[in-house]
Each structure stands twice: as C-alpha cells, then as structure tokens.
Amino acid sequence: MIAPDLGGYDRILVAFSGGKDSLACLLHLLEAGVPASRIELHHHDVDGDQPFIDWPCTLAYCRALAAYFGVPLYRSWRVGGFLGEMDRQGDPTGRVLFELPDGGLGHAGGAGPPGWRGRFPQVSADLRVRWCSSVLKIEILAAAIRGQARFLEGRTLVVTGERAEESPGRARYATFEAHRTATGGGRSPPRRVDHWRPIHGWPQAEVWRIVERFAVAPHPAYQLGWGRLSCRACIFGSPNQWATIRAVFPAQFDRIAAREKASGSTIQRRASVAALADRGRPYPAALARPDLVAQAEAADWRLPAISRPWSLPPGAFGEAAGPV
C-alpha cells in the first residue's frame, strides 16, 4: 500500500462521520505520531438544518471525540439538507455552508441550474442515482476546500475511511491519489491536495482493535445493533434495521413511510419501508437499551468519550447493509 510522508503536509483533513472507519483513520494518524495540531476533522451534516434521515446525536458525538483528542472539528452542510434536496422542484441545489477556523461561516454554490427530484435516492453504485453520497457528502468537502484560500497555502492531505472489504466497488479505489480539489496552478496558485485511504486494506477486526486500544466509546448505532454508521434510515437499510427503527424510533419511521406514499417512490425499488420492516426483527440490543435509544435521539452528547472497561458493541461484525 502506498503511504505518503505524513510529515510533508501542513494539514491533514479527516472526513469524519463518527463511524468506526473514520474513527480508525483518526486514531491511526495519532498512533503514527501526527500532532493533533496538524489534524482537522470535517463532518458532513447530511440533514443540515432539517432533521429527517440521520442520527440526531451524531454531530454531538463527533464534537465530543474532537474535544477529547484536542482536534478541531468543522461542520459542513448543504442548506436544506437531505430533505431540501429531495424536495427540489425547479430550484437549484442548495448552497454549501462550512465552518471556518475563525468561527465564521463560509459558503459556496446555490446559484446553479434548476433541477427536479421529488424522490428518495436509490440503491446504486452510480452516484447520480445514489445522489445522497455525492450531493450531501463528497461535494460538501470539495466545496469547503475550494472555498477557503488557506488551502492554497502549503500541502493538504485528505484522509477517508473506505475499505476494500466493504464492497467490490470500494475494493477498486486507489489508496493514494490526487484529490478532486487539486489544481495545477496556471495563473492562480496551485492547490496541492492529496487523498489517502490509510485503512483501505484493513479487515474489520483491525478497525475494532485500534478503537479498543484507545478505548473510544463507539457511536450508539453500533451499541444498538447496527453494523455500520451511516444515516439511521439509510437507503441500504436491511429488514432488521427497518424493523428496529419502527420499534424504537417510530416517529422517524412514520415520517419516512408517509414520504414514500406521498412521492409514489419507495427508498428501495422493490419494497416499502413497511414491507421491509415486516420481514425483519428488531435488534435485541436496541430493545434492551432505552437509555441508549434516548441518547441516540438527543442532539447533545451526555456520555463519556472513553469507555473503560471496553467491550465490542453488539453491532460489531453484524449486518453491514452498505454501499455496493
């Protein structure tokens, strides 16, 4: 695996979802001796200013970990979030907002061509069809980098946590390459940005081993039975996950089921969320932990960032239900 010279970068950005893989990337950098002062966490808030599909606690959880490790975390989001993009009827895609080191807000976009959606993103390897990944995550980080002059100074390394084990598509990703925001200069200063996937070759067991070494408390998703952290109501959700959402997060389930009926299009092409839930069984861990269910529903973080003694969460090595 190609590994860059970490000492040759002025800053290292970690795309930080709070999931085990992006967490492993942060811990791997710290274990390799990278000073926290040269690391930045960038969290893409999928719902933005309209809570709908994600875990309400995720941003607060990410901020708690950033504070514990002494690393800055910058939130970025698209105005309207997931729901605003899905509801577009002749409007341009919402602009991107991103937090700045001085405490202000930067912005980009929002003046593009009109577009129409009116339906959920669909399970597909094509990011034009699975638009949630591109519009609400990948393009957000790119906009935040392009929209800040500080990234024209020195060299930047972007770190993401895709692993080959996750899917055939991700297995084909390069471990090291120029980032999509890199430029060659011309009349303008070059933007020297590289992209590294440090855990691309790691099995899941190695991911959990580094989390255990640092004794980090996993996100409630894993503790409630989910095998991966994405949106709580991810379009890849399994029948068991939809059954769990219906059982312990009924308000979110009902809202999504209502949107399916209103749009005439289901999240998964062949079945509604109700039909999927009927085929699944709620995770026992979720039914047994109303305290964690309450934390997962909260917009603030009330628990320690570190858990000793540490133990594997029930969702570890469970259903992945993720990208193809």
C-alpha atoms as a PDB file:
ATOM      1  CA  MET A   1       0.000   0.000   0.000  1.00  0.00           C
ATOM      2  CA  ILE A   2       1.262   3.464  -0.891  1.00  0.00           C
ATOM      3  CA  ALA A   3       1.734   5.557   2.239  1.00  0.00           C
ATOM      4  CA  PRO A   4       2.517   9.272   1.993  1.00  0.00           C
ATOM      5  CA  ASP A   5       5.126  11.098   4.040  1.00  0.00           C
ATOM      6  CA  LEU A   6       2.845  12.457   6.745  1.00  0.00           C
ATOM      7  CA  GLY A   7       5.455  14.973   7.812  1.00  0.00           C
ATOM      8  CA  GLY A   8       5.306  16.613   4.411  1.00  0.00           C
ATOM      9  CA  TYR A   9       1.810  18.065   4.869  1.00  0.00           C
ATOM     10  CA  ASP A  10       0.837  21.307   6.523  1.00  0.00           C
ATOM     11  CA  ARG A  11      -2.553  19.929   7.488  1.00  0.00           C
ATOM     12  CA  ILE A  12      -4.365  16.596   7.385  1.00  0.00           C
ATOM     13  CA  LEU A  13      -8.145  16.583   6.932  1.00  0.00           C
ATOM     14  CA  VAL A  14     -10.121  13.554   8.069  1.00  0.00           C
ATOM     15  CA  ALA A  15     -13.625  13.170   6.626  1.00  0.00           C
ATOM     16  CA  PHE A  16     -15.193  12.247   9.943  1.00  0.00           C
ATOM     17  CA  SER A  17     -18.616  10.617  10.162  1.00  0.00           C
ATOM     18  CA  GLY A  18     -18.135   9.290  13.701  1.00  0.00           C
ATOM     19  CA  GLY A  19     -18.278   5.748  12.361  1.00  0.00           C
ATOM     20  CA  LYS A  20     -15.690   3.107  13.138  1.00  0.00           C
ATOM     21  CA  ASP A  21     -13.715   3.560   9.908  1.00  0.00           C
ATOM     22  CA  SER A  22     -13.273   7.336  10.044  1.00  0.00           C
ATOM     23  CA  LEU A  23     -12.527   6.952  13.761  1.00  0.00           C
ATOM     24  CA  ALA A  24      -9.868   4.356  12.936  1.00  0.00           C
ATOM     25  CA  CYS A  25      -8.311   6.842  10.484  1.00  0.00           C
ATOM     26  CA  LEU A  26      -8.020   9.488  13.201  1.00  0.00           C
ATOM     27  CA  LEU A  27      -6.583   7.012  15.696  1.00  0.00           C
ATOM     28  CA  HIS A  28      -4.149   5.656  13.096  1.00  0.00           C
ATOM     29  CA  LEU A  29      -2.803   9.163  12.488  1.00  0.00           C
ATOM     30  CA  LEU A  30      -2.389   9.789  16.210  1.00  0.00           C
ATOM     31  CA  GLU A  31      -0.737   6.395  16.690  1.00  0.00           C
ATOM     32  CA  ALA A  32       1.654   7.232  13.842  1.00  0.00           C
ATOM     33  CA  GLY A  33       2.747  10.316  15.769  1.00  0.00           C
ATOM     34  CA  VAL A  34       0.959  13.033  13.814  1.00  0.00           C
ATOM     35  CA  PRO A  35       0.443  16.002  16.174  1.00  0.00           C
ATOM     36  CA  ALA A  36      -3.205  16.802  16.866  1.00  0.00           C
ATOM     37  CA  SER A  37      -2.397  20.388  15.875  1.00  0.00           C
ATOM     38  CA  ARG A  38      -1.986  19.302  12.236  1.00  0.00           C
ATOM     39  CA  ILE A  39      -5.234  17.286  12.068  1.00  0.00           C
ATOM     40  CA  GLU A  40      -8.685  18.622  11.230  1.00  0.00           C
ATOM     41  CA  LEU A  41     -11.934  16.667  11.374  1.00  0.00           C
ATOM     42  CA  HIS A  42     -14.579  17.601   8.807  1.00  0.00           C
ATOM     43  CA  HIS A  43     -18.083  16.359   9.495  1.00  0.00           C
ATOM     44  CA  HIS A  44     -20.680  16.495   6.731  1.00  0.00           C
ATOM     45  CA  ASP A  45     -24.075  17.003   8.358  1.00  0.00           C
ATOM     46  CA  VAL A  46     -26.388  15.174   5.966  1.00  0.00           C
ATOM     47  CA  ASP A  47     -29.611  16.629   7.358  1.00  0.00           C
ATOM     48  CA  GLY A  48     -28.262  20.165   7.693  1.00  0.00           C
ATOM     49  CA  ASP A  49     -30.955  22.374   9.171  1.00  0.00           C
ATOM     50  CA  GLN A  50     -33.856  19.931   8.602  1.00  0.00           C
ATOM     51  CA  PRO A  51     -33.646  16.759  10.755  1.00  0.00           C
ATOM     52  CA  PHE A  52     -35.031  13.841   8.783  1.00  0.00           C
ATOM     53  CA  ILE A  53     -32.913  10.799   7.979  1.00  0.00           C
ATOM     54  CA  ASP A  54     -29.756  10.815  10.115  1.00  0.00           C
ATOM     55  CA  TRP A  55     -28.928  10.005  13.749  1.00  0.00           C
ATOM     56  CA  PRO A  56     -29.737  13.135  15.799  1.00  0.00           C
ATOM     57  CA  CYS A  57     -26.784  12.515  18.139  1.00  0.00           C
ATOM     58  CA  THR A  58     -24.051  12.138  15.520  1.00  0.00           C
ATOM     59  CA  LEU A  59     -22.798  15.724  15.345  1.00  0.00           C
ATOM     60  CA  ALA A  60     -22.633  15.997  19.135  1.00  0.00           C
ATOM     61  CA  TYR A  61     -20.827  12.633  19.348  1.00  0.00           C
ATOM     62  CA  CYS A  62     -18.254  13.807  16.789  1.00  0.00           C
ATOM     63  CA  ARG A  63     -17.738  17.065  18.667  1.00  0.00           C
ATOM     64  CA  ALA A  64     -17.211  15.136  21.918  1.00  0.00           C
ATOM     65  CA  LEU A  65     -14.490  12.975  20.340  1.00  0.00           C
ATOM     66  CA  ALA A  66     -12.824  16.008  18.749  1.00  0.00           C
ATOM     67  CA  ALA A  67     -12.745  17.762  22.112  1.00  0.00           C
ATOM     68  CA  TYR A  68     -11.321  14.714  23.856  1.00  0.00           C
ATOM     69  CA  PHE A  69      -8.461  14.325  21.360  1.00  0.00           C
ATOM     70  CA  GLY A  70      -7.836  18.069  21.086  1.00  0.00           C
ATOM     71  CA  VAL A  71      -8.549  18.191  17.367  1.00  0.00           C
ATOM     72  CA  PRO A  72     -10.718  20.881  15.715  1.00  0.00           C
ATOM     73  CA  LEU A  73     -13.919  19.746  14.043  1.00  0.00           C
ATOM     74  CA  TYR A  74     -15.553  21.709  11.252  1.00  0.00           C
ATOM     75  CA  ARG A  75     -19.174  21.065  10.342  1.00  0.00           C
ATOM     76  CA  SER A  76     -20.293  21.467   6.744  1.00  0.00           C
ATOM     77  CA  TRP A  77     -23.735  21.007   5.236  1.00  0.00           C
ATOM     78  CA  ARG A  78     -25.982  21.833   2.337  1.00  0.00           C
ATOM     79  CA  VAL A  79     -28.780  24.267   3.097  1.00  0.00           C
ATOM     80  CA  GLY A  80     -31.975  22.238   3.373  1.00  0.00           C
ATOM     81  CA  GLY A  81     -30.032  19.010   3.805  1.00  0.00           C
ATOM     82  CA  PHE A  82     -31.347  15.687   2.569  1.00  0.00           C
ATOM     83  CA  LEU A  83     -34.971  16.760   2.675  1.00  0.00           C
ATOM     84  CA  GLY A  84     -34.370  20.015   0.822  1.00  0.00           C
ATOM     85  CA  GLU A  85     -32.530  18.231  -1.973  1.00  0.00           C
ATOM     86  CA  MET A  86     -35.189  15.540  -2.270  1.00  0.00           C
ATOM     87  CA  ASP A  87     -37.937  18.163  -2.465  1.00  0.00           C
ATOM     88  CA  ARG A  88     -36.353  20.201  -5.251  1.00  0.00           C
ATOM     89  CA  GLN A  89     -38.937  21.139  -7.880  1.00  0.00           C
ATOM     90  CA  GLY A  90     -37.339  23.533 -10.328  1.00  0.00           C
ATOM     91  CA  ASP A  91     -34.897  25.018  -7.809  1.00  0.00           C
ATOM     92  CA  PRO A  92     -31.088  24.860  -7.853  1.00  0.00           C
ATOM     93  CA  THR A  93     -29.292  22.597  -5.392  1.00  0.00           C
ATOM     94  CA  GLY A  94     -28.886  24.442  -2.081  1.00  0.00           C
ATOM     95  CA  ARG A  95     -25.655  26.221  -1.280  1.00  0.00           C
ATOM     96  CA  VAL A  96     -22.992  24.664   0.932  1.00  0.00           C
ATOM     97  CA  LEU A  97     -22.137  26.187   4.307  1.00  0.00           C
ATOM     98  CA  PHE A  98     -18.947  25.316   6.174  1.00  0.00           C
ATOM     99  CA  GLU A  99     -17.443  26.347   9.480  1.00  0.00           C
ATOM    100  CA  LEU A 100     -14.206  28.338   9.367  1.00  0.00           C
ATOM    101  CA  PRO A 101     -11.247  28.336  11.779  1.00  0.00           C
ATOM    102  CA  ASP A 102     -12.096  31.893  12.894  1.00  0.00           C
ATOM    103  CA  GLY A 103     -15.589  30.796  13.960  1.00  0.00           C
ATOM    104  CA  GLY A 104     -17.345  32.239  10.928  1.00  0.00           C
ATOM    105  CA  LEU A 105     -19.217  30.530   8.113  1.00  0.00           C
ATOM    106  CA  GLY A 106     -18.123  30.170   4.523  1.00  0.00           C
ATOM    107  CA  HIS A 107     -20.459  29.380   1.657  1.00  0.00           C
ATOM    108  CA  ALA A 108     -20.359  28.120  -1.900  1.00  0.00           C
ATOM    109  CA  GLY A 109     -22.813  27.306  -4.676  1.00  0.00           C
ATOM    110  CA  GLY A 110     -26.558  27.752  -4.573  1.00  0.00           C
ATOM    111  CA  ALA A 111     -26.852  29.502  -7.930  1.00  0.00           C
ATOM    112  CA  GLY A 112     -26.781  26.505 -10.230  1.00  0.00           C
ATOM    113  CA  PRO A 113     -29.331  25.394 -12.819  1.00  0.00           C
ATOM    114  CA  PRO A 114     -32.864  24.421 -11.782  1.00  0.00           C
ATOM    115  CA  GLY A 115     -33.451  20.759 -11.037  1.00  0.00           C
ATOM    116  CA  TRP A 116     -36.162  18.304 -10.059  1.00  0.00           C
ATOM    117  CA  ARG A 117     -36.043  15.277  -7.771  1.00  0.00           C
ATOM    118  CA  GLY A 118     -39.132  14.533  -5.696  1.00  0.00           C
ATOM    119  CA  ARG A 119     -37.940  11.051  -4.794  1.00  0.00           C
ATOM    120  CA  PHE A 120     -35.537   9.252  -2.498  1.00  0.00           C
ATOM    121  CA  PRO A 121     -32.038   8.350  -3.741  1.00  0.00           C
ATOM    122  CA  GLN A 122     -31.897   4.749  -4.918  1.00  0.00           C
ATOM    123  CA  VAL A 123     -29.578   1.874  -4.075  1.00  0.00           C
ATOM    124  CA  SER A 124     -26.983   2.004  -6.840  1.00  0.00           C
ATOM    125  CA  ALA A 125     -23.238   2.203  -7.437  1.00  0.00           C
ATOM    126  CA  ASP A 126     -23.984   5.184  -9.714  1.00  0.00           C
ATOM    127  CA  LEU A 127     -23.684   8.339  -7.597  1.00  0.00           C
ATOM    128  CA  ARG A 128     -26.053  10.192  -9.912  1.00  0.00           C
ATOM    129  CA  VAL A 129     -28.741   7.761  -8.779  1.00  0.00           C
ATOM    130  CA  ARG A 130     -27.483   7.404  -5.203  1.00  0.00           C
ATOM    131  CA  TRP A 131     -27.270  11.174  -5.007  1.00  0.00           C
ATOM    132  CA  CYS A 132     -27.146  11.342  -1.199  1.00  0.00           C
ATOM    133  CA  SER A 133     -23.471  10.286  -1.162  1.00  0.00           C
ATOM    134  CA  SER A 134     -22.340  12.767  -3.796  1.00  0.00           C
ATOM    135  CA  VAL A 135     -24.558  15.789  -3.107  1.00  0.00           C
ATOM    136  CA  LEU A 136     -24.504  15.635   0.706  1.00  0.00           C
ATOM    137  CA  LYS A 137     -21.013  14.274   1.418  1.00  0.00           C
ATOM    138  CA  ILE A 138     -18.405  14.198  -1.364  1.00  0.00           C
ATOM    139  CA  GLU A 139     -19.323  17.545  -2.925  1.00  0.00           C
ATOM    140  CA  ILE A 140     -19.596  19.162   0.510  1.00  0.00           C
ATOM    141  CA  LEU A 141     -15.972  18.537   1.454  1.00  0.00           C
ATOM    142  CA  ALA A 142     -14.808  19.613  -2.005  1.00  0.00           C
ATOM    143  CA  ALA A 143     -16.742  22.878  -1.685  1.00  0.00           C
ATOM    144  CA  ALA A 144     -15.262  23.538   1.761  1.00  0.00           C
ATOM    145  CA  ILE A 145     -11.725  23.074   0.427  1.00  0.00           C
ATOM    146  CA  ARG A 146     -12.239  25.105  -2.751  1.00  0.00           C
ATOM    147  CA  GLY A 147     -13.972  27.831  -0.792  1.00  0.00           C
ATOM    148  CA  GLN A 148     -11.071  28.588   1.566  1.00  0.00           C
ATOM    149  CA  ALA A 149      -7.918  30.409   0.478  1.00  0.00           C
ATOM    150  CA  ARG A 150      -5.944  28.713   3.260  1.00  0.00           C
ATOM    151  CA  PHE A 151      -5.891  25.532   1.185  1.00  0.00           C
ATOM    152  CA  LEU A 152      -3.831  27.335  -1.455  1.00  0.00           C
ATOM    153  CA  GLU A 153      -1.019  27.562   1.096  1.00  0.00           C
ATOM    154  CA  GLY A 154       1.234  24.573   1.678  1.00  0.00           C
ATOM    155  CA  ARG A 155       0.141  20.965   1.188  1.00  0.00           C
ATOM    156  CA  THR A 156      -3.049  19.260   2.354  1.00  0.00           C
ATOM    157  CA  LEU A 157      -3.783  15.563   2.823  1.00  0.00           C
ATOM    158  CA  VAL A 158      -7.406  14.414   2.774  1.00  0.00           C
ATOM    159  CA  VAL A 159      -7.996  11.136   4.627  1.00  0.00           C
ATOM    160  CA  THR A 160     -11.091   8.966   4.148  1.00  0.00           C
ATOM    161  CA  GLY A 161     -12.005   5.573   5.594  1.00  0.00           C
ATOM    162  CA  GLU A 162     -13.189   3.421   2.698  1.00  0.00           C
ATOM    163  CA  ARG A 163     -12.113  -0.219   2.984  1.00  0.00           C
ATOM    164  CA  ALA A 164     -11.777  -2.818   0.223  1.00  0.00           C
ATOM    165  CA  GLU A 165     -13.568  -5.394   2.368  1.00  0.00           C
ATOM    166  CA  GLU A 166     -16.779  -3.332   2.257  1.00  0.00           C
ATOM    167  CA  SER A 167     -17.705  -3.853  -1.393  1.00  0.00           C
ATOM    168  CA  PRO A 168     -16.324  -4.709  -4.854  1.00  0.00           C
ATOM    169  CA  GLY A 169     -16.664  -1.054  -5.812  1.00  0.00           C
ATOM    170  CA  ARG A 170     -14.619   0.188  -2.880  1.00  0.00           C
ATOM    171  CA  ALA A 171     -12.024  -2.534  -3.447  1.00  0.00           C
ATOM    172  CA  ARG A 172     -11.132  -0.767  -6.696  1.00  0.00           C
ATOM    173  CA  TYR A 173     -10.400   2.585  -5.037  1.00  0.00           C
ATOM    174  CA  ALA A 174      -6.814   3.823  -5.105  1.00  0.00           C
ATOM    175  CA  THR A 175      -5.148   4.041  -1.716  1.00  0.00           C
ATOM    176  CA  PHE A 176      -3.312   7.238  -2.673  1.00  0.00           C
ATOM    177  CA  GLU A 177      -4.050   9.751  -5.425  1.00  0.00           C
ATOM    178  CA  ALA A 178      -4.519  13.431  -6.168  1.00  0.00           C
ATOM    179  CA  HIS A 179      -7.663  14.758  -4.510  1.00  0.00           C
ATOM    180  CA  ARG A 180     -10.521  16.010  -6.677  1.00  0.00           C
ATOM    181  CA  THR A 181      -9.816  19.570  -5.480  1.00  0.00           C
ATOM    182  CA  ALA A 182      -6.152  19.569  -6.544  1.00  0.00           C
ATOM    183  CA  THR A 183      -5.187  22.093  -9.212  1.00  0.00           C
ATOM    184  CA  GLY A 184      -2.066  22.601 -11.293  1.00  0.00           C
ATOM    185  CA  GLY A 185      -1.779  26.343 -10.928  1.00  0.00           C
ATOM    186  CA  GLY A 186      -1.714  28.306 -14.163  1.00  0.00           C
ATOM    187  CA  ARG A 187      -2.440  31.953 -13.369  1.00  0.00           C
ATOM    188  CA  SER A 188      -3.649  31.016  -9.904  1.00  0.00           C
ATOM    189  CA  PRO A 189      -1.643  29.420  -7.082  1.00  0.00           C
ATOM    190  CA  PRO A 190      -1.801  25.613  -7.193  1.00  0.00           C
ATOM    191  CA  ARG A 191      -3.970  23.812  -4.682  1.00  0.00           C
ATOM    192  CA  ARG A 192      -1.796  20.889  -3.600  1.00  0.00           C
ATOM    193  CA  VAL A 193      -4.203  18.347  -2.133  1.00  0.00           C
ATOM    194  CA  ASP A 194      -3.680  14.574  -1.968  1.00  0.00           C
ATOM    195  CA  HIS A 195      -6.141  11.860  -0.977  1.00  0.00           C
ATOM    196  CA  TRP A 196      -5.156   8.892   1.191  1.00  0.00           C
ATOM    197  CA  ARG A 197      -7.235   5.904   2.280  1.00  0.00           C
ATOM    198  CA  PRO A 198      -4.995   4.538   5.062  1.00  0.00           C
ATOM    199  CA  ILE A 199      -7.207   1.649   6.165  1.00  0.00           C
ATOM    200  CA  HIS A 200      -8.239   0.525   2.674  1.00  0.00           C
ATOM    201  CA  GLY A 201      -6.651  -2.892   3.187  1.00  0.00           C
ATOM    202  CA  TRP A 202      -7.735  -3.389   6.801  1.00  0.00           C
ATOM    203  CA  PRO A 203     -10.218  -6.103   7.784  1.00  0.00           C
ATOM    204  CA  GLN A 204     -12.958  -5.019  10.155  1.00  0.00           C
ATOM    205  CA  ALA A 205     -11.225  -6.802  13.040  1.00  0.00           C
ATOM    206  CA  GLU A 206      -8.242  -4.444  12.744  1.00  0.00           C
ATOM    207  CA  VAL A 207     -10.569  -1.440  12.843  1.00  0.00           C
ATOM    208  CA  TRP A 208     -12.108  -2.588  16.104  1.00  0.00           C
ATOM    209  CA  ARG A 209      -8.659  -3.401  17.544  1.00  0.00           C
ATOM    210  CA  ILE A 210      -7.460   0.189  17.199  1.00  0.00           C
ATOM    211  CA  VAL A 211     -10.715   1.519  18.656  1.00  0.00           C
ATOM    212  CA  GLU A 212     -10.182  -0.826  21.599  1.00  0.00           C
ATOM    213  CA  ARG A 213      -6.562   0.307  22.063  1.00  0.00           C
ATOM    214  CA  PHE A 214      -7.819   3.867  22.536  1.00  0.00           C
ATOM    215  CA  ALA A 215     -10.921   2.683  24.463  1.00  0.00           C
ATOM    216  CA  VAL A 216     -13.207   5.009  22.483  1.00  0.00           C
ATOM    217  CA  ALA A 217     -16.915   4.556  23.165  1.00  0.00           C
ATOM    218  CA  PRO A 218     -18.496   3.530  19.847  1.00  0.00           C
ATOM    219  CA  HIS A 219     -21.354   5.540  18.370  1.00  0.00           C
ATOM    220  CA  PRO A 220     -24.769   4.418  19.714  1.00  0.00           C
ATOM    221  CA  ALA A 221     -25.582   2.898  16.325  1.00  0.00           C
ATOM    222  CA  TYR A 222     -23.120   0.070  16.982  1.00  0.00           C
ATOM    223  CA  GLN A 223     -24.274  -0.322  20.548  1.00  0.00           C
ATOM    224  CA  LEU A 224     -27.888  -0.670  19.400  1.00  0.00           C
ATOM    225  CA  GLY A 225     -27.064  -3.386  16.864  1.00  0.00           C
ATOM    226  CA  TRP A 226     -26.187  -1.600  13.624  1.00  0.00           C
ATOM    227  CA  GLY A 227     -23.096  -2.985  11.879  1.00  0.00           C
ATOM    228  CA  ARG A 228     -22.119   0.339  10.309  1.00  0.00           C
ATOM    229  CA  LEU A 229     -22.761   4.009  10.837  1.00  0.00           C
ATOM    230  CA  SER A 230     -24.376   5.920   8.030  1.00  0.00           C
ATOM    231  CA  CYS A 231     -27.739   7.636   8.170  1.00  0.00           C
ATOM    232  CA  ARG A 232     -30.065   5.953  10.643  1.00  0.00           C
ATOM    233  CA  ALA A 233     -32.622   5.431   7.893  1.00  0.00           C
ATOM    234  CA  CYS A 234     -30.024   4.670   5.221  1.00  0.00           C
ATOM    235  CA  ILE A 235     -31.335   3.688   1.783  1.00  0.00           C
ATOM    236  CA  PHE A 236     -29.290   0.474   2.133  1.00  0.00           C
ATOM    237  CA  GLY A 237     -31.081  -0.423   5.377  1.00  0.00           C
ATOM    238  CA  SER A 238     -31.832  -4.102   5.960  1.00  0.00           C
ATOM    239  CA  PRO A 239     -35.223  -5.503   7.040  1.00  0.00           C
ATOM    240  CA  ASN A 240     -33.874  -5.872  10.584  1.00  0.00           C
ATOM    241  CA  GLN A 241     -32.787  -2.235  10.643  1.00  0.00           C
ATOM    242  CA  TRP A 242     -36.167  -1.015   9.418  1.00  0.00           C
ATOM    243  CA  ALA A 243     -37.892  -3.249  11.974  1.00  0.00           C
ATOM    244  CA  THR A 244     -35.690  -1.699  14.676  1.00  0.00           C
ATOM    245  CA  ILE A 245     -36.421   1.854  13.547  1.00  0.00           C
ATOM    246  CA  ARG A 246     -40.148   1.096  13.601  1.00  0.00           C
ATOM    247  CA  ALA A 247     -39.868  -0.391  17.090  1.00  0.00           C
ATOM    248  CA  VAL A 248     -37.705   2.207  18.855  1.00  0.00           C
ATOM    249  CA  PHE A 249     -37.748   5.285  16.600  1.00  0.00           C
ATOM    250  CA  PRO A 250     -41.390   5.218  15.461  1.00  0.00           C
ATOM    251  CA  ALA A 251     -41.693   8.944  14.690  1.00  0.00           C
ATOM    252  CA  GLN A 252     -38.887   8.779  12.144  1.00  0.00           C
ATOM    253  CA  PHE A 253     -40.261   5.568  10.651  1.00  0.00           C
ATOM    254  CA  ASP A 254     -43.759   7.029  10.258  1.00  0.00           C
ATOM    255  CA  ARG A 255     -42.424  10.202   8.670  1.00  0.00           C
ATOM    256  CA  ILE A 256     -40.391   8.296   6.084  1.00  0.00           C
ATOM    257  CA  ALA A 257     -43.248   5.897   5.329  1.00  0.00           C
ATOM    258  CA  ALA A 258     -45.511   8.907   4.766  1.00  0.00           C
ATOM    259  CA  ARG A 259     -42.974  10.473   2.403  1.00  0.00           C
ATOM    260  CA  GLU A 260     -42.780   7.258   0.420  1.00  0.00           C
ATOM    261  CA  LYS A 261     -46.534   7.296  -0.091  1.00  0.00           C
ATOM    262  CA  ALA A 262     -46.587  10.987  -0.959  1.00  0.00           C
ATOM    263  CA  SER A 263     -43.792  10.691  -3.532  1.00  0.00           C
ATOM    264  CA  GLY A 264     -45.037   7.451  -5.070  1.00  0.00           C
ATOM    265  CA  SER A 265     -41.483   6.105  -4.826  1.00  0.00           C
ATOM    266  CA  THR A 266     -40.006   3.814  -2.179  1.00  0.00           C
ATOM    267  CA  ILE A 267     -36.471   4.060  -0.814  1.00  0.00           C
ATOM    268  CA  GLN A 268     -35.724   0.572  -2.091  1.00  0.00           C
ATOM    269  CA  ARG A 269     -37.179  -0.104  -5.512  1.00  0.00           C
ATOM    270  CA  ARG A 270     -38.934  -3.364  -4.711  1.00  0.00           C
ATOM    271  CA  ALA A 271     -40.352  -2.747  -1.251  1.00  0.00           C
ATOM    272  CA  SER A 272     -41.642  -0.007   1.020  1.00  0.00           C
ATOM    273  CA  VAL A 273     -40.069   0.552   4.429  1.00  0.00           C
ATOM    274  CA  ALA A 274     -43.181  -1.018   5.975  1.00  0.00           C
ATOM    275  CA  ALA A 275     -42.766  -4.154   3.865  1.00  0.00           C
ATOM    276  CA  LEU A 276     -39.066  -4.302   4.736  1.00  0.00           C
ATOM    277  CA  ALA A 277     -39.813  -3.911   8.459  1.00  0.00           C
ATOM    278  CA  ASP A 278     -42.384  -6.700   8.250  1.00  0.00           C
ATOM    279  CA  ARG A 279     -39.654  -9.042   7.003  1.00  0.00           C
ATOM    280  CA  GLY A 280     -37.196  -8.149   9.779  1.00  0.00           C
ATOM    281  CA  ARG A 281     -36.830  -8.424  13.536  1.00  0.00           C
ATOM    282  CA  PRO A 282     -35.713  -5.595  15.823  1.00  0.00           C
ATOM    283  CA  TYR A 283     -32.192  -5.833  17.164  1.00  0.00           C
ATOM    284  CA  PRO A 284     -32.332  -7.205  20.744  1.00  0.00           C
ATOM    285  CA  ALA A 285     -29.684  -4.678  21.820  1.00  0.00           C
ATOM    286  CA  ALA A 286     -31.950  -1.784  20.845  1.00  0.00           C
ATOM    287  CA  LEU A 287     -34.932  -3.220  22.686  1.00  0.00           C
ATOM    288  CA  ALA A 288     -32.815  -3.765  25.801  1.00  0.00           C
ATOM    289  CA  ARG A 289     -31.268  -0.271  25.994  1.00  0.00           C
ATOM    290  CA  PRO A 290     -33.877   2.504  26.254  1.00  0.00           C
ATOM    291  CA  ASP A 291     -31.159   4.708  27.745  1.00  0.00           C
ATOM    292  CA  LEU A 292     -29.083   4.449  24.574  1.00  0.00           C
ATOM    293  CA  VAL A 293     -32.169   4.919  22.427  1.00  0.00           C
ATOM    294  CA  ALA A 294     -32.737   8.205  24.284  1.00  0.00           C
ATOM    295  CA  GLN A 295     -29.107   9.256  23.724  1.00  0.00           C
ATOM    296  CA  ALA A 296     -29.382   8.395  20.030  1.00  0.00           C
ATOM    297  CA  GLU A 297     -32.423  10.682  19.779  1.00  0.00           C
ATOM    298  CA  ALA A 298     -30.705  13.590  21.530  1.00  0.00           C
ATOM    299  CA  ALA A 299     -28.962  16.496  19.817  1.00  0.00           C
ATOM    300  CA  ASP A 300     -26.453  16.759  22.688  1.00  0.00           C
ATOM    301  CA  TRP A 301     -23.896  14.214  23.932  1.00  0.00           C
ATOM    302  CA  ARG A 302     -24.309  13.051  27.521  1.00  0.00           C
ATOM    303  CA  LEU A 303     -21.867  10.143  27.822  1.00  0.00           C
ATOM    304  CA  PRO A 304     -18.077   9.837  28.210  1.00  0.00           C
ATOM    305  CA  ALA A 305     -15.982   9.687  25.053  1.00  0.00           C
ATOM    306  CA  ILE A 306     -13.888   6.892  26.561  1.00  0.00           C
ATOM    307  CA  SER A 307     -15.263   3.600  27.858  1.00  0.00           C
ATOM    308  CA  ARG A 308     -13.278   1.502  30.324  1.00  0.00           C
ATOM    309  CA  PRO A 309     -13.571  -1.389  30.550  1.00  0.00           C
ATOM    310  CA  TRP A 310     -14.086  -1.519  26.783  1.00  0.00           C
ATOM    311  CA  SER A 311     -16.076  -4.214  25.002  1.00  0.00           C
ATOM    312  CA  LEU A 312     -17.136  -4.872  21.442  1.00  0.00           C
ATOM    313  CA  PRO A 313     -20.547  -3.357  20.739  1.00  0.00           C
ATOM    314  CA  PRO A 314     -23.369  -5.731  19.733  1.00  0.00           C
ATOM    315  CA  GLY A 315     -23.319  -4.426  16.163  1.00  0.00           C
ATOM    316  CA  ALA A 316     -19.664  -5.261  15.530  1.00  0.00           C
ATOM    317  CA  PHE A 317     -19.312  -7.745  12.662  1.00  0.00           C
ATOM    318  CA  GLY A 318     -23.068  -7.552  12.161  1.00  0.00           C
ATOM    319  CA  GLU A 319     -25.126  -6.554   9.151  1.00  0.00           C
ATOM    320  CA  ALA A 320     -23.226  -4.057   7.015  1.00  0.00           C
ATOM    321  CA  ALA A 321     -26.121  -3.040   4.725  1.00  0.00           C
ATOM    322  CA  GLY A 322     -23.858  -0.582   2.943  1.00  0.00           C
ATOM    323  CA  PRO A 323     -22.638   0.650  -0.437  1.00  0.00           C
ATOM    324  CA  VAL A 324     -22.250  -1.715  -3.376  1.00  0.00           C
END
